Amino acid sequence: MLRFKQFISEGKYPMWLRITVGGLVLQMRNLNQQIQSEKDPKKQNQLISQQNTLLSYISGLGIGVSSTDNVLLKRLKGSMVTKRK
């Protein structure tokens, strides 16, 4: 597993993308801990829903970058900025 400093400094992807994905992964780890410690099934489902939303962002970014479609990548970047407020 790479350390955060190694993850940020390597690769050909834009810096905003690497930082965004790193932040999303940290949020997912936090949600995972909350899901495991939560006893209420309704609250667990809400947390799982949030986790799935973050997963969809990461998948979308992966598709946008691998397809080299600049329009798709700009749309994803715009949706990430507006959704995370």
PDB file of N, CA and C in Angstrom:
ATOM      1  N   MET A   1       0.836  -1.166   0.000  1.00  0.00           N
ATOM      2  CA  MET A   1       0.000   0.000   0.000  1.00  0.00           C
ATOM      3  C   MET A   1       0.888   1.239   0.000  1.00  0.00           C
ATOM      4  N   LEU A   2       0.482   2.215  -0.806  1.00  0.00           N
ATOM      5  CA  LEU A   2       1.252   3.448  -0.905  1.00  0.00           C
ATOM      6  C   LEU A   2       0.905   4.412   0.217  1.00  0.00           C
ATOM      7  N   ARG A   3       1.883   5.123   0.661  1.00  0.00           N
ATOM      8  CA  ARG A   3       1.640   6.211   1.599  1.00  0.00           C
ATOM      9  C   ARG A   3       1.029   7.364   0.819  1.00  0.00           C
ATOM     10  N   PHE A   4       0.368   8.277   1.535  1.00  0.00           N
ATOM     11  CA  PHE A   4      -0.311   9.385   0.883  1.00  0.00           C
ATOM     12  C   PHE A   4       0.658  10.238   0.076  1.00  0.00           C
ATOM     13  N   LYS A   5       1.839  10.487   0.609  1.00  0.00           N
ATOM     14  CA  LYS A   5       2.839  11.307  -0.079  1.00  0.00           C
ATOM     15  C   LYS A   5       3.268  10.649  -1.391  1.00  0.00           C
ATOM     16  N   GLN A   6       3.434   9.323  -1.392  1.00  0.00           N
ATOM     17  CA  GLN A   6       3.793   8.615  -2.609  1.00  0.00           C
ATOM     18  C   GLN A   6       2.638   8.652  -3.605  1.00  0.00           C
ATOM     19  N   PHE A   7       1.426   8.501  -3.107  1.00  0.00           N
ATOM     20  CA  PHE A   7       0.244   8.519  -3.966  1.00  0.00           C
ATOM     21  C   PHE A   7       0.108   9.863  -4.674  1.00  0.00           C
ATOM     22  N   ILE A   8       0.323  10.945  -3.948  1.00  0.00           N
ATOM     23  CA  ILE A   8       0.176  12.283  -4.525  1.00  0.00           C
ATOM     24  C   ILE A   8       1.278  12.585  -5.528  1.00  0.00           C
ATOM     25  N   SER A   9       2.496  12.125  -5.276  1.00  0.00           N
ATOM     26  CA  SER A   9       3.620  12.512  -6.128  1.00  0.00           C
ATOM     27  C   SER A   9       3.764  11.659  -7.385  1.00  0.00           C
ATOM     28  N   GLU A  10       3.098  10.518  -7.470  1.00  0.00           N
ATOM     29  CA  GLU A  10       3.288   9.672  -8.643  1.00  0.00           C
ATOM     30  C   GLU A  10       2.097   9.771  -9.585  1.00  0.00           C
ATOM     31  N   GLY A  11       2.287   9.294 -10.775  1.00  0.00           N
ATOM     32  CA  GLY A  11       1.185   9.200 -11.720  1.00  0.00           C
ATOM     33  C   GLY A  11       1.071  10.382 -12.648  1.00  0.00           C
ATOM     34  N   LYS A  12       0.223  10.192 -13.641  1.00  0.00           N
ATOM     35  CA  LYS A  12       0.049  11.205 -14.679  1.00  0.00           C
ATOM     36  C   LYS A  12      -1.252  11.966 -14.514  1.00  0.00           C
ATOM     37  N   TYR A  13      -2.016  11.664 -13.493  1.00  0.00           N
ATOM     38  CA  TYR A  13      -3.320  12.292 -13.328  1.00  0.00           C
ATOM     39  C   TYR A  13      -3.188  13.683 -12.715  1.00  0.00           C
ATOM     40  N   PRO A  14      -4.161  14.553 -12.989  1.00  0.00           N
ATOM     41  CA  PRO A  14      -4.106  15.911 -12.435  1.00  0.00           C
ATOM     42  C   PRO A  14      -4.128  15.896 -10.904  1.00  0.00           C
ATOM     43  N   MET A  15      -3.511  16.913 -10.341  1.00  0.00           N
ATOM     44  CA  MET A  15      -3.417  16.998  -8.884  1.00  0.00           C
ATOM     45  C   MET A  15      -4.797  17.063  -8.236  1.00  0.00           C
ATOM     46  N   TRP A  16      -5.734  17.813  -8.817  1.00  0.00           N
ATOM     47  CA  TRP A  16      -7.066  17.922  -8.223  1.00  0.00           C
ATOM     48  C   TRP A  16      -7.739  16.557  -8.137  1.00  0.00           C
ATOM     49  N   LEU A  17      -7.481  15.708  -9.144  1.00  0.00           N
ATOM     50  CA  LEU A  17      -8.086  14.374  -9.163  1.00  0.00           C
ATOM     51  C   LEU A  17      -7.493  13.490  -8.065  1.00  0.00           C
ATOM     52  N   ARG A  18      -6.193  13.533  -7.915  1.00  0.00           N
ATOM     53  CA  ARG A  18      -5.546  12.708  -6.893  1.00  0.00           C
ATOM     54  C   ARG A  18      -5.969  13.132  -5.491  1.00  0.00           C
ATOM     55  N   ILE A  19      -6.059  14.427  -5.258  1.00  0.00           N
ATOM     56  CA  ILE A  19      -6.465  14.914  -3.940  1.00  0.00           C
ATOM     57  C   ILE A  19      -7.929  14.580  -3.674  1.00  0.00           C
ATOM     58  N   THR A  20      -8.774  14.734  -4.695  1.00  0.00           N
ATOM     59  CA  THR A  20     -10.198  14.430  -4.543  1.00  0.00           C
ATOM     60  C   THR A  20     -10.414  12.963  -4.209  1.00  0.00           C
ATOM     61  N   VAL A  21      -9.770  12.072  -4.942  1.00  0.00           N
ATOM     62  CA  VAL A  21      -9.935  10.641  -4.687  1.00  0.00           C
ATOM     63  C   VAL A  21      -9.381  10.286  -3.312  1.00  0.00           C
ATOM     64  N   GLY A  22      -8.275  10.868  -2.933  1.00  0.00           N
ATOM     65  CA  GLY A  22      -7.729  10.625  -1.586  1.00  0.00           C
ATOM     66  C   GLY A  22      -8.705  11.055  -0.505  1.00  0.00           C
ATOM     67  N   GLY A  23      -9.339  12.221  -0.682  1.00  0.00           N
ATOM     68  CA  GLY A  23     -10.337  12.687   0.282  1.00  0.00           C
ATOM     69  C   GLY A  23     -11.559  11.786   0.335  1.00  0.00           C
ATOM     70  N   LEU A  24     -11.988  11.299  -0.837  1.00  0.00           N
ATOM     71  CA  LEU A  24     -13.141  10.397  -0.880  1.00  0.00           C
ATOM     72  C   LEU A  24     -12.833   9.072  -0.173  1.00  0.00           C
ATOM     73  N   VAL A  25     -11.628   8.590  -0.352  1.00  0.00           N
ATOM     74  CA  VAL A  25     -11.233   7.335   0.306  1.00  0.00           C
ATOM     75  C   VAL A  25     -11.223   7.516   1.826  1.00  0.00           C
ATOM     76  N   LEU A  26     -10.737   8.650   2.287  1.00  0.00           N
ATOM     77  CA  LEU A  26     -10.743   8.919   3.728  1.00  0.00           C
ATOM     78  C   LEU A  26     -12.171   8.997   4.265  1.00  0.00           C
ATOM     79  N   GLN A  27     -13.063   9.625   3.511  1.00  0.00           N
ATOM     80  CA  GLN A  27     -14.466   9.691   3.929  1.00  0.00           C
ATOM     81  C   GLN A  27     -15.092   8.303   3.963  1.00  0.00           C
ATOM     82  N   MET A  28     -14.733   7.459   2.996  1.00  0.00           N
ATOM     83  CA  MET A  28     -15.277   6.098   2.970  1.00  0.00           C
ATOM     84  C   MET A  28     -14.786   5.289   4.165  1.00  0.00           C
ATOM     85  N   ARG A  29     -13.539   5.458   4.531  1.00  0.00           N
ATOM     86  CA  ARG A  29     -13.018   4.761   5.710  1.00  0.00           C
ATOM     87  C   ARG A  29     -13.767   5.183   6.972  1.00  0.00           C
ATOM     88  N   ASN A  30     -14.024   6.480   7.082  1.00  0.00           N
ATOM     89  CA  ASN A  30     -14.756   7.000   8.222  1.00  0.00           C
ATOM     90  C   ASN A  30     -16.178   6.428   8.250  1.00  0.00           C
ATOM     91  N   LEU A  31     -16.843   6.422   7.092  1.00  0.00           N
ATOM     92  CA  LEU A  31     -18.186   5.855   7.023  1.00  0.00           C
ATOM     93  C   LEU A  31     -18.185   4.373   7.369  1.00  0.00           C
ATOM     94  N   ASN A  32     -17.174   3.657   6.934  1.00  0.00           N
ATOM     95  CA  ASN A  32     -17.083   2.226   7.240  1.00  0.00           C
ATOM     96  C   ASN A  32     -17.007   1.991   8.748  1.00  0.00           C
ATOM     97  N   GLN A  33     -16.229   2.799   9.436  1.00  0.00           N
ATOM     98  CA  GLN A  33     -16.137   2.673  10.891  1.00  0.00           C
ATOM     99  C   GLN A  33     -17.466   3.007  11.552  1.00  0.00           C
ATOM    100  N   GLN A  34     -18.145   4.033  11.042  1.00  0.00           N
ATOM    101  CA  GLN A  34     -19.449   4.397  11.598  1.00  0.00           C
ATOM    102  C   GLN A  34     -20.475   3.284  11.371  1.00  0.00           C
ATOM    103  N   ILE A  35     -20.450   2.668  10.191  1.00  0.00           N
ATOM    104  CA  ILE A  35     -21.383   1.579   9.884  1.00  0.00           C
ATOM    105  C   ILE A  35     -21.162   0.415  10.833  1.00  0.00           C
ATOM    106  N   GLN A  36     -19.914   0.072  11.072  1.00  0.00           N
ATOM    107  CA  GLN A  36     -19.607  -1.060  11.939  1.00  0.00           C
ATOM    108  C   GLN A  36     -19.987  -0.801  13.390  1.00  0.00           C
ATOM    109  N   SER A  37     -19.907   0.434  13.823  1.00  0.00           N
ATOM    110  CA  SER A  37     -20.211   0.724  15.221  1.00  0.00           C
ATOM    111  C   SER A  37     -21.694   1.053  15.459  1.00  0.00           C
ATOM    112  N   GLU A  38     -22.439   1.292  14.394  1.00  0.00           N
ATOM    113  CA  GLU A  38     -23.851   1.666  14.518  1.00  0.00           C
ATOM    114  C   GLU A  38     -24.720   0.447  14.796  1.00  0.00           C
ATOM    115  N   LYS A  39     -25.629   0.582  15.742  1.00  0.00           N
ATOM    116  CA  LYS A  39     -26.528  -0.523  16.112  1.00  0.00           C
ATOM    117  C   LYS A  39     -27.882  -0.424  15.411  1.00  0.00           C
ATOM    118  N   ASP A  40     -28.321   0.800  15.090  1.00  0.00           N
ATOM    119  CA  ASP A  40     -29.621   1.019  14.475  1.00  0.00           C
ATOM    120  C   ASP A  40     -29.569   0.684  12.977  1.00  0.00           C
ATOM    121  N   PRO A  41     -30.375  -0.281  12.501  1.00  0.00           N
ATOM    122  CA  PRO A  41     -30.344  -0.669  11.083  1.00  0.00           C
ATOM    123  C   PRO A  41     -30.708   0.470  10.120  1.00  0.00           C
ATOM    124  N   LYS A  42     -31.620   1.359  10.521  1.00  0.00           N
ATOM    125  CA  LYS A  42     -31.981   2.479   9.642  1.00  0.00           C
ATOM    126  C   LYS A  42     -30.802   3.423   9.450  1.00  0.00           C
ATOM    127  N   LYS A  43     -30.116   3.706  10.534  1.00  0.00           N
ATOM    128  CA  LYS A  43     -28.945   4.583  10.452  1.00  0.00           C
ATOM    129  C   LYS A  43     -27.839   3.913   9.639  1.00  0.00           C
ATOM    130  N   GLN A  44     -27.679   2.593   9.795  1.00  0.00           N
ATOM    131  CA  GLN A  44     -26.691   1.868   9.006  1.00  0.00           C
ATOM    132  C   GLN A  44     -26.994   1.980   7.517  1.00  0.00           C
ATOM    133  N   ASN A  45     -28.273   1.854   7.163  1.00  0.00           N
ATOM    134  CA  ASN A  45     -28.651   1.963   5.755  1.00  0.00           C
ATOM    135  C   ASN A  45     -28.369   3.349   5.202  1.00  0.00           C
ATOM    136  N   GLN A  46     -28.592   4.382   6.002  1.00  0.00           N
ATOM    137  CA  GLN A  46     -28.281   5.735   5.561  1.00  0.00           C
ATOM    138  C   GLN A  46     -26.779   5.908   5.333  1.00  0.00           C
ATOM    139  N   LEU A  47     -25.985   5.357   6.234  1.00  0.00           N
ATOM    140  CA  LEU A  47     -24.530   5.449   6.097  1.00  0.00           C
ATOM    141  C   LEU A  47     -24.046   4.661   4.879  1.00  0.00           C
ATOM    142  N   ILE A  48     -24.649   3.497   4.644  1.00  0.00           N
ATOM    143  CA  ILE A  48     -24.289   2.692   3.470  1.00  0.00           C
ATOM    144  C   ILE A  48     -24.651   3.439   2.195  1.00  0.00           C
ATOM    145  N   SER A  49     -25.782   4.136   2.216  1.00  0.00           N
ATOM    146  CA  SER A  49     -26.183   4.945   1.063  1.00  0.00           C
ATOM    147  C   SER A  49     -25.153   6.040   0.782  1.00  0.00           C
ATOM    148  N   GLN A  50     -24.680   6.697   1.824  1.00  0.00           N
ATOM    149  CA  GLN A  50     -23.645   7.723   1.655  1.00  0.00           C
ATOM    150  C   GLN A  50     -22.367   7.112   1.090  1.00  0.00           C
ATOM    151  N   GLN A  51     -22.028   5.926   1.578  1.00  0.00           N
ATOM    152  CA  GLN A  51     -20.825   5.242   1.115  1.00  0.00           C
ATOM    153  C   GLN A  51     -20.958   4.864  -0.363  1.00  0.00           C
ATOM    154  N   ASN A  52     -22.142   4.420  -0.770  1.00  0.00           N
ATOM    155  CA  ASN A  52     -22.372   4.080  -2.174  1.00  0.00           C
ATOM    156  C   ASN A  52     -22.274   5.307  -3.073  1.00  0.00           C
ATOM    157  N   THR A  53     -22.725   6.450  -2.571  1.00  0.00           N
ATOM    158  CA  THR A  53     -22.611   7.688  -3.339  1.00  0.00           C
ATOM    159  C   THR A  53     -21.142   8.026  -3.584  1.00  0.00           C
ATOM    160  N   LEU A  54     -20.318   7.889  -2.548  1.00  0.00           N
ATOM    161  CA  LEU A  54     -18.885   8.158  -2.708  1.00  0.00           C
ATOM    162  C   LEU A  54     -18.255   7.176  -3.689  1.00  0.00           C
ATOM    163  N   LEU A  55     -18.675   5.911  -3.620  1.00  0.00           N
ATOM    164  CA  LEU A  55     -18.164   4.912  -4.560  1.00  0.00           C
ATOM    165  C   LEU A  55     -18.521   5.273  -5.994  1.00  0.00           C
ATOM    166  N   SER A  56     -19.726   5.791  -6.191  1.00  0.00           N
ATOM    167  CA  SER A  56     -20.127   6.163  -7.555  1.00  0.00           C
ATOM    168  C   SER A  56     -19.269   7.315  -8.070  1.00  0.00           C
ATOM    169  N   TYR A  57     -18.905   8.262  -7.208  1.00  0.00           N
ATOM    170  CA  TYR A  57     -18.023   9.354  -7.623  1.00  0.00           C
ATOM    171  C   TYR A  57     -16.657   8.817  -8.041  1.00  0.00           C
ATOM    172  N   ILE A  58     -16.112   7.912  -7.249  1.00  0.00           N
ATOM    173  CA  ILE A  58     -14.798   7.348  -7.568  1.00  0.00           C
ATOM    174  C   ILE A  58     -14.858   6.576  -8.877  1.00  0.00           C
ATOM    175  N   SER A  59     -15.919   5.798  -9.082  1.00  0.00           N
ATOM    176  CA  SER A  59     -16.067   5.051 -10.341  1.00  0.00           C
ATOM    177  C   SER A  59     -16.191   5.996 -11.522  1.00  0.00           C
ATOM    178  N   GLY A  60     -16.983   7.035 -11.362  1.00  0.00           N
ATOM    179  CA  GLY A  60     -17.145   8.004 -12.443  1.00  0.00           C
ATOM    180  C   GLY A  60     -15.849   8.692 -12.791  1.00  0.00           C
ATOM    181  N   LEU A  61     -15.072   9.040 -11.790  1.00  0.00           N
ATOM    182  CA  LEU A  61     -13.772   9.659 -12.048  1.00  0.00           C
ATOM    183  C   LEU A  61     -12.841   8.689 -12.762  1.00  0.00           C
ATOM    184  N   GLY A  62     -12.885   7.414 -12.372  1.00  0.00           N
ATOM    185  CA  GLY A  62     -12.062   6.403 -13.036  1.00  0.00           C
ATOM    186  C   GLY A  62     -12.423   6.238 -14.496  1.00  0.00           C
ATOM    187  N   ILE A  63     -13.714   6.250 -14.793  1.00  0.00           N
ATOM    188  CA  ILE A  63     -14.162   6.124 -16.175  1.00  0.00           C
ATOM    189  C   ILE A  63     -13.780   7.371 -16.968  1.00  0.00           C
ATOM    190  N   GLY A  64     -13.983   8.533 -16.382  1.00  0.00           N
ATOM    191  CA  GLY A  64     -13.659   9.782 -17.069  1.00  0.00           C
ATOM    192  C   GLY A  64     -12.191   9.902 -17.402  1.00  0.00           C
ATOM    193  N   VAL A  65     -11.331   9.471 -16.499  1.00  0.00           N
ATOM    194  CA  VAL A  65      -9.887   9.578 -16.722  1.00  0.00           C
ATOM    195  C   VAL A  65      -9.417   8.534 -17.725  1.00  0.00           C
ATOM    196  N   SER A  66      -9.925   7.307 -17.606  1.00  0.00           N
ATOM    197  CA  SER A  66      -9.452   6.246 -18.494  1.00  0.00           C
ATOM    198  C   SER A  66      -9.954   6.431 -19.922  1.00  0.00           C
ATOM    199  N   SER A  67     -11.073   7.131 -20.094  1.00  0.00           N
ATOM    200  CA  SER A  67     -11.596   7.327 -21.446  1.00  0.00           C
ATOM    201  C   SER A  67     -10.960   8.528 -22.140  1.00  0.00           C
ATOM    202  N   THR A  68     -10.204   9.315 -21.448  1.00  0.00           N
ATOM    203  CA  THR A  68      -9.586  10.547 -21.938  1.00  0.00           C
ATOM    204  C   THR A  68     -10.618  11.495 -22.554  1.00  0.00           C
ATOM    205  N   ASP A  69     -11.835  11.459 -22.029  1.00  0.00           N
ATOM    206  CA  ASP A  69     -12.906  12.347 -22.478  1.00  0.00           C
ATOM    207  C   ASP A  69     -12.883  13.590 -21.595  1.00  0.00           C
ATOM    208  N   ASN A  70     -12.362  14.684 -22.122  1.00  0.00           N
ATOM    209  CA  ASN A  70     -12.198  15.901 -21.332  1.00  0.00           C
ATOM    210  C   ASN A  70     -13.531  16.505 -20.919  1.00  0.00           C
ATOM    211  N   VAL A  71     -14.549  16.388 -21.768  1.00  0.00           N
ATOM    212  CA  VAL A  71     -15.865  16.938 -21.438  1.00  0.00           C
ATOM    213  C   VAL A  71     -16.446  16.197 -20.234  1.00  0.00           C
ATOM    214  N   LEU A  72     -16.373  14.871 -20.259  1.00  0.00           N
ATOM    215  CA  LEU A  72     -16.875  14.068 -19.140  1.00  0.00           C
ATOM    216  C   LEU A  72     -16.115  14.387 -17.862  1.00  0.00           C
ATOM    217  N   LEU A  73     -14.810  14.525 -17.958  1.00  0.00           N
ATOM    218  CA  LEU A  73     -13.991  14.822 -16.788  1.00  0.00           C
ATOM    219  C   LEU A  73     -14.349  16.190 -16.202  1.00  0.00           C
ATOM    220  N   LYS A  74     -14.590  17.181 -17.046  1.00  0.00           N
ATOM    221  CA  LYS A  74     -14.983  18.506 -16.558  1.00  0.00           C
ATOM    222  C   LYS A  74     -16.346  18.461 -15.891  1.00  0.00           C
ATOM    223  N   ARG A  75     -17.275  17.667 -16.437  1.00  0.00           N
ATOM    224  CA  ARG A  75     -18.600  17.537 -15.820  1.00  0.00           C
ATOM    225  C   ARG A  75     -18.498  16.878 -14.453  1.00  0.00           C
ATOM    226  N   LEU A  76     -17.677  15.836 -14.363  1.00  0.00           N
ATOM    227  CA  LEU A  76     -17.497  15.162 -13.079  1.00  0.00           C
ATOM    228  C   LEU A  76     -16.867  16.096 -12.065  1.00  0.00           C
ATOM    229  N   LYS A  77     -15.875  16.856 -12.508  1.00  0.00           N
ATOM    230  CA  LYS A  77     -15.234  17.799 -11.588  1.00  0.00           C
ATOM    231  C   LYS A  77     -16.238  18.827 -11.098  1.00  0.00           C
ATOM    232  N   GLY A  78     -17.082  19.312 -11.999  1.00  0.00           N
ATOM    233  CA  GLY A  78     -18.113  20.281 -11.606  1.00  0.00           C
ATOM    234  C   GLY A  78     -19.128  19.692 -10.653  1.00  0.00           C
ATOM    235  N   SER A  79     -19.520  18.442 -10.881  1.00  0.00           N
ATOM    236  CA  SER A  79     -20.505  17.827  -9.978  1.00  0.00           C
ATOM    237  C   SER A  79     -19.897  17.535  -8.618  1.00  0.00           C
ATOM    238  N   MET A  80     -18.608  17.250  -8.570  1.00  0.00           N
ATOM    239  CA  MET A  80     -17.949  16.985  -7.283  1.00  0.00           C
ATOM    240  C   MET A  80     -17.925  18.269  -6.447  1.00  0.00           C
ATOM    241  N   VAL A  81     -17.669  19.385  -7.088  1.00  0.00           N
ATOM    242  CA  VAL A  81     -17.576  20.654  -6.368  1.00  0.00           C
ATOM    243  C   VAL A  81     -18.944  21.048  -5.830  1.00  0.00           C
ATOM    244  N   THR A  82     -19.999  20.895  -6.612  1.00  0.00           N
ATOM    245  CA  THR A  82     -21.318  21.311  -6.165  1.00  0.00           C
ATOM    246  C   THR A  82     -21.930  20.339  -5.162  1.00  0.00           C
ATOM    247  N   LYS A  83     -21.670  19.049  -5.282  1.00  0.00           N
ATOM    248  CA  LYS A  83     -22.271  18.053  -4.406  1.00  0.00           C
ATOM    249  C   LYS A  83     -21.634  18.012  -3.032  1.00  0.00           C
ATOM    250  N   ARG A  84     -20.372  18.375  -2.903  1.00  0.00           N
ATOM    251  CA  ARG A  84     -19.654  18.207  -1.635  1.00  0.00           C
ATOM    252  C   ARG A  84     -19.848  19.359  -0.686  1.00  0.00           C
ATOM    253  N   LYS A  85     -20.645  20.375  -1.025  1.00  0.00           N
ATOM    254  CA  LYS A  85     -20.836  21.536  -0.153  1.00  0.00           C
ATOM    255  C   LYS A  85     -21.590  21.162   1.100  1.00  0.00           C
TER     256      LYS A  85
END
